[in-house]
């Protein structure tokens, strides 16, 4: 039924042709209502009810490869956030994240968040919250909590021994090899430098090595030279009495005789040095005679127990000495017991170096990183190339 808005008397309804779609042109111009107008052929009858203007709209289908991202595990997310903040030295933010996390995750896999917070309290020296956390930990996990460790200066650095094979020639332009020595001395109070594979040297390279030997003595580090026979043979070919050249080669040869305890050879070369360069030669120092160089077989056995030590707080390191260390060791053991923090850039550089080493077939093991560092190692992908054994307290 149709209702008139103007109160006219009702008229008898006349049947009309079914409505047909209008073209865009006719829509714009308006409908032609003149008598006798020609209309398009009728379409099948439709319901006269008014439909919304978007009734012809077709919803597009979702792309067949569309996927909804799965939910991120909250423990993983909070552990990752805390590890990255710690790597960036944002300790207050780390503490806030973890203190909130342990209030939520009080069982199961949430334990790793508690262990990270123990490390935060330990490093900041805040013992009272450490012990309070220990009480809650024992109740929640029904096991003994980590114990507080007194912050005594570590003496391990005083006896730490590192090993490094000098790669390439003992020449002034071999910057990478000399930089590796400096990096190793920064981490080890005692360093065994293996020169047994040397085949060539020059006076400038000898001068650089002599400077490192002198600097290590002043810093109370011990730089122990291995491959002394090989080095002495190359140096002896460079010195000639009366030819005032290659002075650093003479001085390094005297150093080798000193380390080997060859007093007679030292005195002979010292006299020839004084005659050739008209200066006083170095003096013999009996206290500086080194221990006998180990036999090759014994050296391999000893190398198996050596570790590549990471200590303190590491920033923007490239680990240039690690490939040389890895050449002498299998498995390659990286000792992290004295490592407090490593930044994200250094962790990535460490991954790059170890990925190359792993391709040679050698096993790589990280010993005892704290839980904050262990989480960072997992984030950068070190677990793909190495076994990581976190610290146990």
Protein backbone atom coordinates (compact mmCIF):
# COMPACT_ATOMS: atom_id res chain seq x y z
CA UNK A 1 0.00 0.00 0.00
CA UNK A 2 1.26 3.50 -0.85
CA UNK A 3 0.61 6.46 1.45
CA UNK A 4 0.28 9.93 0.01
CA UNK A 5 1.97 12.75 1.83
CA UNK A 6 -0.40 15.35 0.38
CA UNK A 7 -3.80 13.98 1.49
CA UNK A 8 -5.13 13.52 -2.09
CA UNK A 9 -7.96 11.07 -2.67
CA UNK A 10 -6.58 7.61 -3.27
CA UNK A 11 -6.35 6.57 -6.89
CA UNK A 12 -6.57 3.14 -8.35
CA UNK A 13 -3.06 1.65 -8.76
CA UNK A 14 -2.08 0.98 -12.35
CA UNK A 15 0.30 -1.84 -13.22
CA UNK A 16 3.64 -0.54 -14.50
CA UNK A 17 6.55 -2.20 -16.22
CA UNK A 18 9.15 -3.59 -13.88
CA UNK A 19 11.88 -1.15 -12.90
CA UNK A 20 15.06 -1.40 -14.92
CA UNK A 21 18.58 -0.13 -14.11
CA UNK A 22 19.40 3.31 -15.36
CA UNK A 23 22.62 4.11 -17.08
CA UNK A 24 24.98 6.62 -15.52
CA UNK A 25 24.02 9.03 -18.33
CA UNK A 26 20.31 8.78 -17.65
CA UNK A 27 20.91 9.08 -13.92
CA UNK A 28 22.75 12.32 -14.40
CA UNK A 29 20.11 13.73 -16.75
CA UNK A 30 17.11 12.65 -14.72
CA UNK A 31 14.36 10.13 -15.62
CA UNK A 32 12.29 10.85 -18.78
CA UNK A 33 8.64 10.87 -17.63
CA UNK A 34 7.11 12.17 -20.82
CA UNK A 35 4.07 10.23 -22.20
CA UNK A 36 5.02 7.75 -24.88
CA UNK A 37 8.69 7.65 -23.87
CA UNK A 38 10.45 4.56 -25.09
CA UNK A 39 11.80 2.31 -22.33
CA UNK A 40 14.37 -0.45 -22.42
CA UNK A 41 13.18 -4.04 -22.56
CA UNK A 42 11.91 -5.08 -19.14
CA UNK A 43 14.01 -7.24 -16.86
CA UNK A 44 12.60 -9.87 -14.53
CA UNK A 45 10.45 -8.33 -11.83
CA UNK A 46 12.23 -7.24 -8.66
CA UNK A 47 11.07 -6.48 -5.20
CA UNK A 48 9.83 -2.88 -5.05
CA UNK A 49 11.42 -2.37 -1.65
CA UNK A 50 14.11 0.30 -1.52
CA UNK A 51 17.63 -1.09 -1.15
CA UNK A 52 20.73 0.74 0.10
CA UNK A 53 22.93 2.39 -2.51
CA UNK A 54 25.82 -0.04 -1.83
CA UNK A 55 23.68 -3.15 -2.43
CA UNK A 56 25.78 -4.01 -5.54
CA UNK A 57 29.11 -3.80 -3.54
CA UNK A 58 31.09 -7.02 -3.57
CA UNK A 59 33.51 -7.58 -0.66
CA UNK A 60 36.97 -8.59 -1.86
CA UNK A 61 38.33 -11.88 -0.63
CA UNK A 62 41.39 -11.99 1.60
CA UNK A 63 44.65 -12.86 -0.07
CA UNK A 64 45.18 -16.63 0.07
CA UNK A 65 48.54 -16.22 1.86
CA UNK A 66 47.22 -13.87 4.54
CA UNK A 67 48.13 -15.10 8.03
CA UNK A 68 47.45 -13.80 11.48
CA UNK A 69 50.62 -13.57 13.55
CA UNK A 70 50.67 -16.00 16.41
CA UNK A 71 50.71 -14.73 19.95
CA UNK A 72 54.19 -13.99 21.34
CA UNK A 73 55.06 -15.87 24.51
CA UNK A 74 55.04 -13.25 27.31
CA UNK A 75 58.00 -14.81 29.13
CA UNK A 76 60.10 -14.71 25.95
CA UNK A 77 59.05 -11.13 25.28
CA UNK A 78 59.96 -9.89 28.76
CA UNK A 79 63.23 -11.81 28.84
CA UNK A 80 64.19 -10.36 25.46
CA UNK A 81 63.28 -6.83 26.50
CA UNK A 82 65.30 -7.08 29.71
CA UNK A 83 68.36 -8.57 27.96
CA UNK A 84 68.45 -5.83 25.32
CA UNK A 85 67.99 -3.08 27.89
CA UNK A 86 70.83 -4.56 29.95
CA UNK A 87 73.08 -4.72 26.88
CA UNK A 88 72.37 -1.00 26.42
CA UNK A 89 73.30 -0.32 30.08
CA UNK A 90 69.76 0.79 31.01
CA UNK A 91 69.89 -0.93 34.38
CA UNK A 92 66.98 0.90 36.03
CA UNK A 93 64.69 -0.05 33.16
CA UNK A 94 65.90 -3.67 33.34
CA UNK A 95 65.07 -3.82 37.03
CA UNK A 96 61.58 -2.38 36.47
CA UNK A 97 60.79 -4.87 33.69
CA UNK A 98 61.96 -7.88 35.68
CA UNK A 99 60.39 -6.86 38.99
CA UNK A 100 57.05 -6.59 37.23
CA UNK A 101 57.65 -9.90 35.42
CA UNK A 102 58.35 -11.95 38.56
CA UNK A 103 55.08 -10.77 40.10
CA UNK A 104 53.26 -12.31 37.15
CA UNK A 105 55.29 -15.44 36.33
CA UNK A 106 55.74 -17.45 39.51
CA UNK A 107 56.28 -20.95 38.17
CA UNK A 108 57.57 -23.04 35.28
CA UNK A 109 59.44 -21.27 32.49
CA UNK A 110 59.07 -17.96 34.32
CA UNK A 111 62.03 -19.04 36.47
CA UNK A 112 64.47 -17.61 33.92
CA UNK A 113 63.09 -14.12 34.64
CA UNK A 114 63.77 -14.59 38.34
CA UNK A 115 67.36 -15.68 37.66
CA UNK A 116 67.90 -12.59 35.50
CA UNK A 117 66.64 -10.39 38.33
CA UNK A 118 68.99 -12.09 40.80
CA UNK A 119 71.86 -11.08 38.49
CA UNK A 120 70.61 -7.47 38.33
CA UNK A 121 70.56 -7.23 42.14
CA UNK A 122 73.97 -8.92 42.39
CA UNK A 123 75.63 -6.56 39.90
CA UNK A 124 74.11 -3.47 41.51
CA UNK A 125 75.16 -4.61 44.99
CA UNK A 126 71.61 -4.42 46.37
CA UNK A 127 71.64 -7.31 48.81
CA UNK A 128 68.36 -6.69 50.69
CA UNK A 129 66.08 -7.08 47.64
CA UNK A 130 68.26 -10.00 46.51
CA UNK A 131 67.56 -11.88 49.73
CA UNK A 132 63.87 -10.94 49.74
CA UNK A 133 63.61 -12.28 46.19
CA UNK A 134 65.31 -15.47 47.40
CA UNK A 135 62.54 -16.07 49.94
CA UNK A 136 59.84 -15.65 47.31
CA UNK A 137 61.80 -17.84 44.90
CA UNK A 138 62.01 -20.69 47.41
CA UNK A 139 58.25 -20.52 48.00
CA UNK A 140 57.36 -20.32 44.31
CA UNK A 141 59.75 -22.90 42.89
CA UNK A 142 60.32 -25.07 45.98
CA UNK A 143 64.09 -25.06 45.57
CA UNK A 144 67.03 -23.22 47.08
CA UNK A 145 67.61 -19.75 45.63
CA UNK A 146 70.97 -18.48 44.32
CA UNK A 147 73.32 -17.30 47.04
CA UNK A 148 74.76 -13.82 47.37
CA UNK A 149 78.37 -13.56 46.17
CA UNK A 150 80.65 -11.10 47.95
CA UNK A 151 82.19 -8.61 45.56
CA UNK A 152 85.86 -9.40 46.07
CA UNK A 153 88.27 -8.47 43.32
CA UNK A 154 88.83 -11.50 41.18
CA UNK A 155 92.33 -12.90 41.14
CA UNK A 156 91.66 -15.11 38.15
CA UNK A 157 92.90 -12.40 35.77
CA UNK A 158 96.30 -12.55 37.46
CA UNK A 159 96.83 -16.16 36.42
CA UNK A 160 94.73 -16.28 33.26
CA UNK A 161 96.63 -17.71 30.33
CA UNK A 162 95.70 -17.01 26.74
CA UNK A 163 97.10 -18.45 23.54
CA UNK A 164 97.47 -16.70 20.21
CA UNK A 165 99.05 -17.81 16.96
CA UNK A 166 100.63 -14.96 15.04
CA UNK A 167 99.25 -15.12 11.52
CA UNK A 168 101.08 -13.79 8.48
CA UNK A 169 104.52 -12.19 8.38
CA UNK A 170 106.25 -10.31 11.17
CA UNK A 171 106.22 -7.14 9.11
CA UNK A 172 105.13 -3.59 9.87
CA UNK A 173 102.08 -3.75 7.60
CA UNK A 174 100.50 -6.73 9.35
CA UNK A 175 98.17 -4.55 11.43
CA UNK A 176 95.57 -7.27 12.03
CA UNK A 177 98.06 -9.62 13.73
CA UNK A 178 99.46 -6.89 16.00
CA UNK A 179 95.97 -5.70 16.89
CA UNK A 180 95.09 -9.27 17.88
CA UNK A 181 98.05 -9.30 20.29
CA UNK A 182 96.87 -6.07 21.91
CA UNK A 183 93.32 -7.41 22.31
CA UNK A 184 94.56 -10.63 23.86
CA UNK A 185 96.80 -8.79 26.31
CA UNK A 186 93.82 -6.68 27.37
CA UNK A 187 92.01 -9.87 28.41
CA UNK A 188 94.91 -11.98 29.69
CA UNK A 189 97.62 -11.18 32.19
CA UNK A 190 99.66 -13.89 30.55
CA UNK A 191 99.70 -14.57 26.83
CA UNK A 192 101.51 -17.30 24.90
CA UNK A 193 102.30 -15.92 21.45
CA UNK A 194 103.11 -18.66 18.95
CA UNK A 195 105.52 -17.53 16.19
CA UNK A 196 106.37 -21.03 14.98
CA UNK A 197 104.71 -20.53 11.57
CA UNK A 198 106.68 -17.41 10.66
CA UNK A 199 108.42 -17.45 7.29
CA UNK A 200 109.36 -13.79 6.86
CA UNK A 201 110.06 -10.68 8.91
CA UNK A 202 111.42 -7.17 8.57
CA UNK A 203 113.03 -4.66 10.91
CA UNK A 204 109.86 -2.59 11.31
CA UNK A 205 107.85 -5.65 12.29
CA UNK A 206 110.53 -6.62 14.82
CA UNK A 207 110.36 -3.10 16.25
CA UNK A 208 106.59 -3.43 16.74
CA UNK A 209 107.00 -6.74 18.54
CA UNK A 210 109.77 -5.33 20.76
CA UNK A 211 107.50 -2.42 21.70
CA UNK A 212 104.73 -4.84 22.70
CA UNK A 213 107.16 -6.85 24.82
CA UNK A 214 108.31 -3.71 26.60
CA UNK A 215 104.74 -2.45 27.14
CA UNK A 216 103.63 -5.79 28.56
CA UNK A 217 106.49 -5.78 31.07
CA UNK A 218 105.62 -2.26 32.22
CA UNK A 219 101.98 -3.29 32.66
CA UNK A 220 103.09 -6.39 34.59
CA UNK A 221 101.73 -8.65 31.88
CA UNK A 222 103.65 -11.66 30.67
CA UNK A 223 104.06 -12.12 26.93
CA UNK A 224 105.61 -15.53 26.43
CA UNK A 225 107.12 -16.18 23.00
CA UNK A 226 106.72 -19.66 21.52
CA UNK A 227 108.45 -20.75 18.33
CA UNK A 228 111.72 -19.19 19.54
CA UNK A 229 113.86 -21.47 17.38
CA UNK A 230 112.02 -20.42 14.22
CA UNK A 231 112.27 -16.76 15.17
CA UNK A 232 115.98 -17.00 16.00
CA UNK A 233 116.77 -18.63 12.64
CA UNK A 234 115.05 -15.82 10.73
CA UNK A 235 116.75 -13.13 12.83
CA UNK A 236 120.24 -14.60 12.55
CA UNK A 237 119.97 -14.31 8.77
CA UNK A 238 119.26 -10.58 9.09
CA UNK A 239 122.19 -9.44 11.24
CA UNK A 240 125.69 -8.88 9.94
CA UNK A 241 128.54 -7.45 11.97
CA UNK A 242 129.68 -4.09 10.60
CA UNK A 243 126.45 -3.47 8.64
CA UNK A 244 124.55 -0.88 10.63
CA UNK A 245 121.09 -1.80 9.36
CA UNK A 246 118.01 -3.53 10.76
CA UNK A 247 118.81 -2.53 14.33
CA UNK A 248 115.48 -3.87 15.62
CA UNK A 249 116.38 -7.33 14.31
CA UNK A 250 119.54 -7.28 16.43
CA UNK A 251 117.62 -6.24 19.52
CA UNK A 252 114.93 -8.88 19.01
CA UNK A 253 117.60 -11.56 18.52
CA UNK A 254 119.14 -10.54 21.86
CA UNK A 255 115.65 -10.81 23.38
CA UNK A 256 115.27 -14.36 22.03
CA UNK A 257 118.67 -15.42 23.40
CA UNK A 258 117.67 -13.87 26.73
CA UNK A 259 114.41 -15.87 26.84
CA UNK A 260 116.17 -19.08 25.85
CA UNK A 261 118.84 -18.62 28.53
CA UNK A 262 121.65 -18.68 25.95
CA UNK A 263 124.15 -16.50 27.80
CA UNK A 264 127.16 -17.12 25.55
CA UNK A 265 125.20 -16.41 22.35
CA UNK A 266 123.73 -13.30 23.98
CA UNK A 267 127.18 -11.94 24.93
CA UNK A 268 128.62 -12.58 21.48
CA UNK A 269 125.80 -10.82 19.67
CA UNK A 270 125.85 -7.98 22.24
CA UNK A 271 129.52 -7.29 21.50
CA UNK A 272 128.94 -7.36 17.74
CA UNK A 273 125.94 -5.06 18.20
CA UNK A 274 128.07 -2.52 20.14
CA UNK A 275 130.76 -2.61 17.43
CA UNK A 276 128.26 -2.26 14.58
CA UNK A 277 126.06 0.52 15.97
CA UNK A 278 128.58 2.13 18.37
CA UNK A 279 126.09 2.10 21.25
CA UNK A 280 125.86 0.11 24.46
CA UNK A 281 124.00 -3.19 24.09
CA UNK A 282 121.23 -4.40 26.41
CA UNK A 283 122.40 -6.14 29.57
CA UNK A 284 121.82 -9.77 30.44
CA UNK A 285 119.04 -10.27 33.04
CA UNK A 286 119.06 -13.74 34.54
CA UNK A 287 115.57 -13.22 36.03
CA UNK A 288 114.08 -12.88 32.56
CA UNK A 289 115.05 -16.32 31.32
CA UNK A 290 111.80 -18.02 30.31
CA UNK A 291 110.72 -21.54 31.12
CA UNK A 292 111.66 -24.15 28.52
CA UNK A 293 109.34 -24.14 25.56
CA UNK A 294 106.96 -27.12 25.67
CA UNK A 295 107.31 -29.88 23.12
CA UNK A 296 104.72 -29.79 20.31
CA UNK A 297 102.77 -32.80 21.63
CA UNK A 298 102.65 -31.40 25.15
CA UNK A 299 101.56 -28.06 23.75
CA UNK A 300 98.54 -29.63 22.04
CA UNK A 301 97.48 -31.29 25.29
CA UNK A 302 97.87 -28.03 27.20
CA UNK A 303 95.95 -26.13 24.56
CA UNK A 304 92.92 -28.34 25.05
CA UNK A 305 92.31 -26.86 28.51
CA UNK A 306 92.86 -23.23 27.51
CA UNK A 307 89.88 -20.96 27.20
CA UNK A 308 89.17 -17.73 25.40
CA UNK A 309 88.14 -15.47 28.26
CA UNK A 310 85.62 -12.63 28.10
CA UNK A 311 85.77 -10.27 31.08
CA UNK A 312 84.21 -7.13 32.45
CA UNK A 313 82.06 -4.97 30.17
CA UNK A 314 82.67 -5.40 26.45
CA UNK A 315 81.75 -2.61 24.03
CA UNK A 316 82.21 -2.41 20.25
CA UNK A 317 84.65 -5.33 20.13
CA UNK A 318 85.45 -7.19 16.90
CA UNK A 319 87.31 -10.17 18.50
CA UNK A 320 90.16 -10.07 16.00
CA UNK A 321 92.25 -12.49 18.07
CA UNK A 322 89.57 -15.19 18.29
CA UNK A 323 90.26 -16.84 14.88
CA UNK A 324 93.93 -17.33 15.82
CA UNK A 325 92.93 -18.80 19.17
CA UNK A 326 90.49 -21.16 17.45
CA UNK A 327 93.23 -22.47 15.15
CA UNK A 328 94.94 -24.00 18.20
CA UNK A 329 91.86 -25.29 20.01
CA UNK A 330 89.06 -27.78 19.49
CA UNK A 331 86.62 -27.42 21.10
CA UNK A 332 86.76 -23.64 21.26
CA UNK A 333 85.78 -22.85 24.86
CA UNK A 334 84.72 -19.29 25.62
CA UNK A 335 84.89 -18.57 29.35
CA UNK A 336 82.27 -15.99 30.40
CA UNK A 337 82.50 -16.41 34.18
CA UNK A 338 84.04 -12.95 34.59
CA UNK A 339 81.91 -11.29 31.89
CA UNK A 340 79.38 -8.84 33.29
CA UNK A 341 77.95 -7.26 30.14
CA UNK A 342 78.40 -7.27 26.37
CA UNK A 343 76.71 -4.77 24.07
CA UNK A 344 74.52 -5.74 21.13
CA UNK A 345 77.10 -4.74 18.49
CA UNK A 346 79.80 -6.87 20.08
CA UNK A 347 77.45 -9.84 20.43
CA UNK A 348 76.67 -9.61 16.72
CA UNK A 349 80.38 -9.39 15.84
CA UNK A 350 81.02 -12.44 18.03
CA UNK A 351 78.36 -14.36 16.12
CA UNK A 352 79.98 -13.46 12.78
CA UNK A 353 83.42 -14.65 13.90
CA UNK A 354 82.13 -17.87 15.45
CA UNK A 355 79.98 -18.69 12.43
CA UNK A 356 83.13 -18.74 10.31
CA UNK A 357 84.91 -20.90 12.88
CA UNK A 358 81.98 -23.30 13.12
CA UNK A 359 82.13 -23.90 9.37
CA UNK A 360 85.55 -25.50 9.87
CA UNK A 361 83.84 -28.24 11.90
CA UNK A 362 85.04 -27.14 15.34
CA UNK A 363 82.76 -27.28 18.38
CA UNK A 364 82.15 -24.06 20.30
CA UNK A 365 81.09 -23.92 23.94
CA UNK A 366 80.26 -20.90 26.12
CA UNK A 367 80.95 -21.55 29.79
CA UNK A 368 78.95 -19.79 32.51
CA UNK A 369 77.62 -16.51 31.10
CA UNK A 370 75.27 -14.78 33.53
CA UNK A 371 71.58 -15.13 32.70
CA UNK A 372 71.26 -11.64 31.23
CA UNK A 373 74.13 -12.27 28.83
CA UNK A 374 72.91 -15.79 28.04
CA UNK A 375 69.54 -14.37 26.98
CA UNK A 376 71.28 -11.85 24.70
CA UNK A 377 73.31 -14.65 23.12
CA UNK A 378 70.06 -16.41 22.34
CA UNK A 379 68.56 -13.27 20.80
CA UNK A 380 71.46 -12.68 18.38
CA UNK A 381 71.49 -16.35 17.34
CA UNK A 382 74.62 -17.71 18.98
CA UNK A 383 72.76 -20.88 19.95
CA UNK A 384 72.82 -21.85 16.28
CA UNK A 385 76.62 -22.18 16.29
CA UNK A 386 77.52 -22.84 19.93
CA UNK A 387 76.47 -24.65 23.09
CA UNK A 388 75.70 -22.19 25.89
CA UNK A 389 76.00 -23.37 29.50
CA UNK A 390 74.64 -20.60 31.79
CA UNK A 391 76.12 -19.88 35.19
CA UNK A 392 74.88 -21.93 38.13
CA UNK A 393 74.90 -20.30 41.54
